[in-house]
Amino acid sequence: MRVWILLLVLAWLADSSMTQHINSLTWLTYLRNRAYNNGYGHHYANLALPNTEEPSVIDCPLECDCPSAYPKAMYCSNRKLQHIPFVPSHVKYVYLQNNQLTGITNGVFDNAPNITWIIIHANKLSSDKFGDKVLAKLPNLQRLFVQHNNLTRVPQGLPRSLRDLHMNHNNISVVPVDSFRGMNNLTALYLQMNAIEDLGKALEGLVSLTVLDLRGNRLKKIPESLPARLSQLYLEYNHIASIPADFLSQRPELRYIRLSHNQLTNGGIPASAFNVSTLVELDLSFNKLERIPIISTSLENLYLQANKIKEFSVNSFCRVVDTKNYSNLRVLRLEANEISARDIPNEAVLCLRLATNIDL
């Protein structure tokens, strides 16, 4: 009987000790987060937790989730957060989307210099509360998602290590010339649905950029100094009325161009502007064209619907029409114009022999 009583006492003491240890860690995490949210992050950033088999779980902020299956990630999305919690030093991927964050103070990420991704879209971030040194100590940051916020300008001090930058669906109107300076690794830039009127030479020097999305802005012309390696360019829903003559000849990597919902007329398109062999897809729908522009025989997809086109010119697709010369066009959309099937000449059969979809 005494043996059983002794075992019960020992078990109770062990359980009490473990509970006290866990509670102390819980309170430590709480106090660290509270101090961090009040601007004292730099005072305790180097405090060490007791040794444990799963440090990513133990030192995880109470507001977030740090699953042991993904020890480098900190999930804090959809928590109604108004402040960014303390970020442990081992974290590389921070998920803060769909919260109520209005600003980011300098030093908030300094304890985790190896952060690679910051996903903080769908909040209420404003430019005047976005510290100019927030990202200064993140030399390994590759992906930054700040879309669907209230930014009015490009954040300062963006790391040169960035490869993927999403700033779409904000209120950005001005992009200073040095906004992206030194970003030799940036491959994708998303600025759609802002209020940008002119980019000037802000894109100059982006030697690795392949994808540029500028849909839904207030551009009146094609941006200057577009990178030579650009492959995809999206310019829909702007106010562009003309195309530079050397627009494509200076960018041999450009494959996909979308210019729908602009103010383009035939007078604003030089004769050979789109007659380049590298182009694969061209979208000129919902403009004010009255004639089909001259295109290269290598083009595969051409969208011209909802213009004011009144004639079908085979010469726009093939300069010579015979059994050996023909267009590689697969898809041609011409619906909602002022032509019908009766307006297509017979020689179009030879020229467009590879077409699988022609809509009138």
Protein backbone atom coordinates (compact mmCIF):
# COMPACT_ATOMS: atom_id res chain seq x y z
CA MET A 1 0.00 0.00 0.00
CA ARG A 2 2.79 2.42 0.89
CA VAL A 3 4.46 1.69 -2.46
CA TRP A 4 1.33 2.75 -4.38
CA ILE A 5 1.02 5.96 -2.35
CA LEU A 6 4.67 6.77 -3.03
CA LEU A 7 4.20 6.21 -6.77
CA LEU A 8 1.12 8.48 -6.85
CA VAL A 9 3.01 11.26 -5.05
CA LEU A 10 5.93 11.00 -7.48
CA ALA A 11 3.57 11.10 -10.47
CA TRP A 12 1.83 14.19 -9.09
CA LEU A 13 5.16 15.95 -8.56
CA ALA A 14 6.32 15.12 -12.10
CA ASP A 15 3.08 16.37 -13.60
CA SER A 16 3.23 19.55 -11.53
CA SER A 17 6.81 20.20 -12.61
CA MET A 18 5.96 19.71 -16.31
CA THR A 19 2.91 21.96 -16.05
CA GLN A 20 4.95 24.67 -14.36
CA HIS A 21 7.61 24.41 -17.12
CA ILE A 22 5.00 24.72 -19.90
CA ASN A 23 3.21 27.57 -18.13
CA SER A 24 6.49 29.46 -17.71
CA LEU A 25 7.18 29.12 -21.45
CA THR A 26 3.63 30.23 -22.28
CA TRP A 27 3.95 33.32 -20.11
CA LEU A 28 7.39 34.06 -21.53
CA THR A 29 5.97 33.97 -25.05
CA TYR A 30 3.11 36.21 -23.97
CA LEU A 31 5.42 38.75 -22.34
CA ARG A 32 7.79 38.76 -25.31
CA ASN A 33 4.92 39.41 -27.72
CA ARG A 34 3.48 42.15 -25.55
CA ALA A 35 6.86 43.86 -25.25
CA TYR A 36 7.50 43.46 -28.97
CA ASN A 37 4.19 45.06 -29.91
CA ASN A 38 5.05 48.02 -27.72
CA GLY A 39 8.35 48.69 -29.44
CA TYR A 40 10.82 46.87 -27.19
CA GLY A 41 11.76 44.14 -29.65
CA HIS A 42 15.45 45.04 -29.78
CA HIS A 43 15.83 44.65 -26.01
CA TYR A 44 14.91 40.99 -25.90
CA ALA A 45 15.56 39.73 -29.41
CA ASN A 46 18.50 37.64 -28.20
CA LEU A 47 16.78 36.06 -25.20
CA ALA A 48 17.16 32.28 -25.40
CA LEU A 49 14.45 29.79 -24.54
CA PRO A 50 15.27 26.63 -22.56
CA ASN A 51 16.49 23.71 -24.63
CA THR A 52 13.67 21.71 -26.16
CA GLU A 53 13.21 19.14 -28.87
CA GLU A 54 10.86 21.38 -30.88
CA PRO A 55 11.99 25.03 -30.57
CA SER A 56 9.84 26.09 -33.55
CA VAL A 57 6.72 25.12 -31.60
CA ILE A 58 7.76 26.36 -28.16
CA ASP A 59 8.87 29.87 -29.21
CA CYS A 60 5.99 30.38 -31.66
CA PRO A 61 3.89 33.48 -30.89
CA LEU A 62 0.56 32.67 -29.29
CA GLU A 63 -1.25 34.47 -32.12
CA CYS A 64 0.28 32.22 -34.77
CA ASP A 65 0.77 28.62 -35.73
CA CYS A 66 4.21 27.05 -36.27
CA PRO A 67 3.63 23.41 -37.20
CA SER A 68 6.50 21.01 -36.60
CA ALA A 69 6.03 19.70 -40.15
CA TYR A 70 7.11 23.15 -41.46
CA PRO A 71 9.65 24.33 -38.86
CA LYS A 72 10.73 27.40 -40.87
CA ALA A 73 7.21 28.82 -41.34
CA MET A 74 5.06 31.06 -39.14
CA TYR A 75 1.35 31.18 -40.03
CA CYS A 76 -0.47 34.24 -38.69
CA SER A 77 -3.12 34.78 -41.36
CA ASN A 78 -6.81 35.41 -40.66
CA ARG A 79 -6.25 36.28 -36.97
CA LYS A 80 -7.57 39.87 -36.91
CA LEU A 81 -4.07 41.03 -35.92
CA GLN A 82 -3.38 44.73 -35.49
CA HIS A 83 0.32 44.28 -34.72
CA ILE A 84 2.95 41.94 -36.14
CA PRO A 85 3.94 39.34 -33.50
CA PHE A 86 7.52 38.58 -32.52
CA VAL A 87 9.28 36.60 -35.29
CA PRO A 88 11.62 33.84 -34.01
CA SER A 89 15.14 33.85 -35.43
CA HIS A 90 14.81 30.52 -37.29
CA VAL A 91 11.75 31.58 -39.32
CA LYS A 92 12.09 31.97 -43.11
CA TYR A 93 8.45 32.18 -44.23
CA VAL A 94 6.03 34.65 -42.62
CA TYR A 95 2.32 34.56 -43.47
CA LEU A 96 0.37 37.62 -42.26
CA GLN A 97 -2.33 37.99 -44.91
CA ASN A 98 -5.98 38.83 -44.22
CA ASN A 99 -5.50 40.71 -40.96
CA GLN A 100 -6.06 44.31 -39.82
CA LEU A 101 -2.48 45.56 -39.92
CA THR A 102 -2.21 49.28 -40.65
CA GLY A 103 1.57 49.68 -40.47
CA ILE A 104 4.96 48.03 -40.06
CA THR A 105 7.51 49.61 -37.72
CA ASN A 106 11.27 49.52 -38.28
CA GLY A 107 12.95 46.53 -36.63
CA VAL A 108 9.93 44.27 -36.70
CA PHE A 109 11.76 41.59 -38.71
CA ASP A 110 15.32 42.24 -37.48
CA ASN A 111 15.40 39.17 -35.24
CA ALA A 112 14.95 36.88 -38.27
CA PRO A 113 17.51 37.97 -40.90
CA ASN A 114 17.02 34.79 -42.96
CA ILE A 115 13.41 35.54 -43.90
CA THR A 116 12.81 34.52 -47.51
CA TRP A 117 9.07 35.16 -47.94
CA ILE A 118 6.80 37.82 -46.43
CA ILE A 119 3.15 37.36 -47.32
CA ILE A 120 1.23 40.35 -45.95
CA HIS A 121 -1.46 41.08 -48.53
CA ALA A 122 -5.08 41.95 -47.79
CA ASN A 123 -4.42 44.20 -44.79
CA LYS A 124 -4.75 47.97 -44.30
CA LEU A 125 -1.13 49.00 -44.68
CA SER A 126 -0.51 52.66 -45.49
CA SER A 127 2.70 54.22 -46.78
CA ASP A 128 3.05 56.68 -43.90
CA LYS A 129 3.12 53.76 -41.44
CA PHE A 130 5.47 51.58 -43.49
CA GLY A 131 8.93 52.13 -41.98
CA ASP A 132 11.68 53.05 -44.42
CA LYS A 133 14.02 50.46 -42.88
CA VAL A 134 11.53 47.63 -42.30
CA LEU A 135 13.22 45.35 -44.83
CA ALA A 136 16.75 46.74 -44.61
CA LYS A 137 18.16 43.79 -42.64
CA LEU A 138 16.67 41.03 -44.79
CA PRO A 139 19.39 40.25 -47.36
CA ASN A 140 17.74 36.95 -48.32
CA LEU A 141 14.20 38.15 -48.96
CA GLN A 142 12.99 36.79 -52.31
CA ARG A 143 9.20 37.16 -52.34
CA LEU A 144 7.18 40.09 -50.99
CA PHE A 145 3.38 40.16 -51.26
CA VAL A 146 1.85 43.52 -50.24
CA GLN A 147 -1.07 43.63 -52.67
CA HIS A 148 -4.58 44.69 -51.62
CA ASN A 149 -3.45 47.31 -49.12
CA ASN A 150 -3.57 51.13 -48.97
CA LEU A 151 -0.06 51.99 -50.15
CA THR A 152 0.34 55.26 -52.07
CA ARG A 153 4.01 54.77 -52.98
CA VAL A 154 6.54 52.02 -53.44
CA PRO A 155 8.08 51.13 -50.03
CA GLN A 156 11.61 52.41 -49.50
CA GLY A 157 14.60 50.22 -48.84
CA LEU A 158 13.44 47.17 -50.76
CA PRO A 159 16.13 44.45 -50.63
CA ARG A 160 18.11 43.85 -53.81
CA SER A 161 17.60 40.13 -53.32
CA LEU A 162 13.90 40.28 -54.31
CA ARG A 163 12.79 38.01 -57.14
CA ASP A 164 9.00 38.29 -56.96
CA LEU A 165 7.27 41.55 -55.95
CA HIS A 166 3.49 41.97 -55.71
CA MET A 167 2.18 45.51 -55.10
CA ASN A 168 -1.02 45.34 -57.13
CA HIS A 169 -4.39 46.66 -55.93
CA ASN A 170 -3.04 49.59 -53.91
CA ASN A 171 -3.22 53.36 -54.50
CA ILE A 172 0.30 53.85 -55.84
CA SER A 173 0.51 56.89 -58.14
CA VAL A 174 4.21 57.81 -58.15
CA VAL A 175 7.16 55.47 -58.62
CA PRO A 176 10.49 57.24 -57.93
CA VAL A 177 13.31 56.51 -60.37
CA ASP A 178 15.37 54.71 -57.71
CA SER A 179 12.54 52.47 -56.44
CA PHE A 180 14.00 49.30 -57.94
CA ARG A 181 17.63 50.29 -58.28
CA GLY A 182 20.07 47.40 -57.92
CA MET A 183 17.39 44.69 -58.12
CA ASN A 184 19.27 42.52 -60.57
CA ASN A 185 17.43 39.38 -59.43
CA LEU A 186 13.85 40.64 -59.83
CA THR A 187 12.03 38.48 -62.40
CA ALA A 188 8.35 39.34 -61.79
CA LEU A 189 6.81 42.73 -60.92
CA TYR A 190 3.08 43.14 -60.36
CA LEU A 191 1.77 46.73 -60.24
CA GLN A 192 -1.70 46.29 -61.71
CA MET A 193 -4.74 48.15 -60.40
CA ASN A 194 -2.97 51.22 -59.05
CA ALA A 195 -3.04 54.88 -60.17
CA ILE A 196 0.30 55.11 -62.00
CA GLU A 197 0.43 57.71 -64.78
CA ASP A 198 4.10 57.50 -65.72
CA LEU A 199 6.93 55.18 -64.73
CA GLY A 200 9.70 57.29 -66.23
CA LYS A 201 12.92 55.31 -66.03
CA ALA A 202 12.04 53.45 -62.84
CA LEU A 203 12.31 50.09 -64.64
CA GLU A 204 15.75 50.78 -66.03
CA GLY A 205 18.31 48.32 -64.77
CA LEU A 206 15.93 45.40 -64.08
CA VAL A 207 18.09 43.07 -66.14
CA SER A 208 16.32 39.86 -65.06
CA LEU A 209 12.70 41.04 -65.30
CA THR A 210 10.57 38.73 -67.46
CA VAL A 211 6.99 39.47 -66.26
CA LEU A 212 5.57 43.00 -65.90
CA ASP A 213 1.91 43.57 -65.05
CA LEU A 214 0.62 47.17 -65.33
CA ARG A 215 -3.06 46.56 -66.00
CA GLY A 216 -5.62 49.01 -64.72
CA ASN A 217 -3.44 52.09 -64.25
CA ARG A 218 -3.49 55.53 -65.91
CA LEU A 219 -0.66 55.14 -68.38
CA LYS A 220 -0.87 57.24 -71.55
CA LYS A 221 2.14 55.65 -73.25
CA ILE A 222 4.27 52.54 -73.23
CA PRO A 223 6.69 52.83 -70.28
CA GLU A 224 10.23 53.90 -71.09
CA SER A 225 13.30 51.73 -70.62
CA LEU A 226 11.47 48.42 -70.57
CA PRO A 227 13.96 45.63 -69.74
CA ALA A 228 15.39 43.74 -72.71
CA ARG A 229 14.63 40.30 -71.22
CA LEU A 230 10.93 41.03 -70.75
CA SER A 231 8.80 38.09 -71.93
CA GLN A 232 5.27 38.97 -70.76
CA LEU A 233 3.83 42.49 -70.74
CA TYR A 234 0.31 43.28 -69.54
CA LEU A 235 -1.00 46.80 -70.23
CA GLU A 236 -4.78 46.35 -70.40
CA TYR A 237 -7.17 49.03 -69.13
CA ASN A 238 -4.92 52.06 -69.53
CA HIS A 239 -5.08 55.15 -71.81
CA ILE A 240 -2.38 54.22 -74.33
CA ALA A 241 -2.98 55.69 -77.80
CA SER A 242 0.24 54.89 -79.67
CA ILE A 243 3.09 52.39 -79.96
CA PRO A 244 6.79 53.33 -80.45
CA ALA A 245 8.22 52.09 -83.76
CA ASP A 246 11.09 50.23 -82.05
CA PHE A 247 8.95 48.93 -79.21
CA LEU A 248 9.46 45.25 -80.08
CA SER A 249 12.66 45.29 -82.10
CA GLN A 250 14.63 46.29 -79.00
CA ARG A 251 13.09 43.51 -76.87
CA PRO A 252 13.76 40.19 -78.59
CA GLU A 253 12.50 38.13 -75.64
CA LEU A 254 8.99 39.62 -75.62
CA ARG A 255 6.45 36.86 -76.40
CA TYR A 256 3.11 37.96 -74.97
CA ILE A 257 1.65 41.50 -75.16
CA ARG A 258 -1.79 42.51 -73.98
CA LEU A 259 -3.01 46.00 -74.88
CA SER A 260 -6.77 45.56 -74.77
CA HIS A 261 -9.06 48.30 -73.43
CA ASN A 262 -6.83 51.22 -74.44
CA GLN A 263 -7.16 54.08 -76.96
CA LEU A 264 -5.17 52.62 -79.87
CA THR A 265 -5.88 53.72 -83.43
CA ASN A 266 -4.19 52.72 -86.67
CA GLY A 267 -2.55 56.14 -86.79
CA GLY A 268 -0.79 55.38 -83.51
CA ILE A 269 0.70 52.07 -84.71
CA PRO A 270 3.77 52.28 -87.02
CA ALA A 271 3.60 49.95 -90.05
CA SER A 272 6.04 47.34 -88.75
CA ALA A 273 5.54 47.75 -85.01
CA PHE A 274 4.18 44.20 -84.59
CA ASN A 275 5.98 42.57 -87.52
CA VAL A 276 8.59 40.75 -85.41
CA SER A 277 9.22 37.03 -85.51
CA THR A 278 9.55 36.54 -81.74
CA LEU A 279 5.99 37.54 -80.82
CA VAL A 280 3.60 34.64 -80.03
CA GLU A 281 0.44 36.34 -78.68
CA LEU A 282 -0.95 39.86 -79.27
CA ASP A 283 -4.11 41.25 -77.71
CA LEU A 284 -5.42 44.51 -79.26
CA SER A 285 -9.10 43.97 -78.47
CA PHE A 286 -11.41 46.76 -77.28
CA ASN A 287 -9.55 49.60 -78.98
CA LYS A 288 -10.35 51.90 -81.93
CA LEU A 289 -8.66 50.11 -84.83
CA GLU A 290 -10.26 50.32 -88.28
CA ARG A 291 -7.77 48.05 -90.05
CA ILE A 292 -5.91 44.89 -89.09
CA PRO A 293 -2.28 45.82 -88.30
CA ILE A 294 0.56 44.08 -90.12
CA ILE A 295 1.79 41.14 -88.04
CA SER A 296 4.55 38.58 -88.38
CA THR A 297 3.78 35.19 -89.92
CA SER A 298 5.13 33.60 -86.73
CA LEU A 299 2.35 35.06 -84.53
CA GLU A 300 0.03 32.34 -83.18
CA ASN A 301 -2.76 34.18 -81.33
CA LEU A 302 -4.29 37.53 -82.35
CA TYR A 303 -7.19 39.17 -80.52
CA LEU A 304 -8.92 42.06 -82.33
CA GLN A 305 -12.50 41.81 -81.12
CA ALA A 306 -14.54 44.91 -80.26
CA ASN A 307 -12.71 47.37 -82.54
CA LYS A 308 -14.01 49.25 -85.60
CA ILE A 309 -12.39 47.09 -88.28
CA LYS A 310 -14.17 47.41 -91.65
CA GLU A 311 -12.08 45.21 -93.93
CA PHE A 312 -10.20 41.91 -93.92
CA SER A 313 -6.77 42.33 -95.46
CA VAL A 314 -4.86 39.11 -96.18
CA ASN A 315 -1.68 41.18 -96.56
CA SER A 316 -1.84 41.89 -92.83
CA PHE A 317 -1.04 38.22 -92.25
CA CYS A 318 0.88 37.13 -95.38
CA ARG A 319 2.94 39.36 -97.64
CA VAL A 320 3.07 36.55 -100.21
CA VAL A 321 0.25 34.04 -100.59
CA ASP A 322 1.12 30.66 -102.10
CA THR A 323 1.65 27.03 -101.10
CA LYS A 324 5.00 27.74 -99.43
CA ASN A 325 4.20 30.98 -97.61
CA TYR A 326 1.57 31.05 -94.89
CA SER A 327 0.83 32.34 -91.42
CA ASN A 328 1.31 30.34 -88.23
CA LEU A 329 -1.80 31.94 -86.77
CA ARG A 330 -3.95 29.49 -84.77
CA VAL A 331 -6.48 31.79 -83.11
CA LEU A 332 -7.98 34.94 -84.67
CA ARG A 333 -10.79 36.84 -82.95
CA LEU A 334 -12.62 39.51 -84.91
CA GLU A 335 -16.11 39.48 -83.44
CA ALA A 336 -17.85 42.78 -82.58
CA ASN A 337 -16.28 44.59 -85.57
CA GLU A 338 -17.83 45.82 -88.83
CA ILE A 339 -16.98 42.81 -91.00
CA SER A 340 -18.58 39.41 -91.63
CA ALA A 341 -17.62 36.09 -93.23
CA ARG A 342 -18.55 37.52 -96.67
CA ASP A 343 -15.69 40.02 -96.35
CA ILE A 344 -12.99 37.34 -96.14
CA PRO A 345 -11.27 36.80 -99.56
CA ASN A 346 -10.68 33.31 -100.92
CA GLU A 347 -6.88 33.52 -100.62
CA ALA A 348 -7.27 33.70 -96.86
CA VAL A 349 -7.68 29.91 -96.91
CA LEU A 350 -4.08 29.49 -98.08
CA CYS A 351 -2.67 32.19 -95.82
CA LEU A 352 -4.43 31.04 -92.63
CA ARG A 353 -4.26 27.32 -93.28
CA LEU A 354 -3.13 26.52 -89.71
CA ALA A 355 -5.92 28.47 -88.03
CA THR A 356 -8.13 26.35 -85.80
CA ASN A 357 -10.34 29.11 -84.44
CA ILE A 358 -11.52 32.22 -86.33
CA ASP A 359 -14.33 34.18 -84.72
CA LEU A 360 -16.27 36.84 -86.65
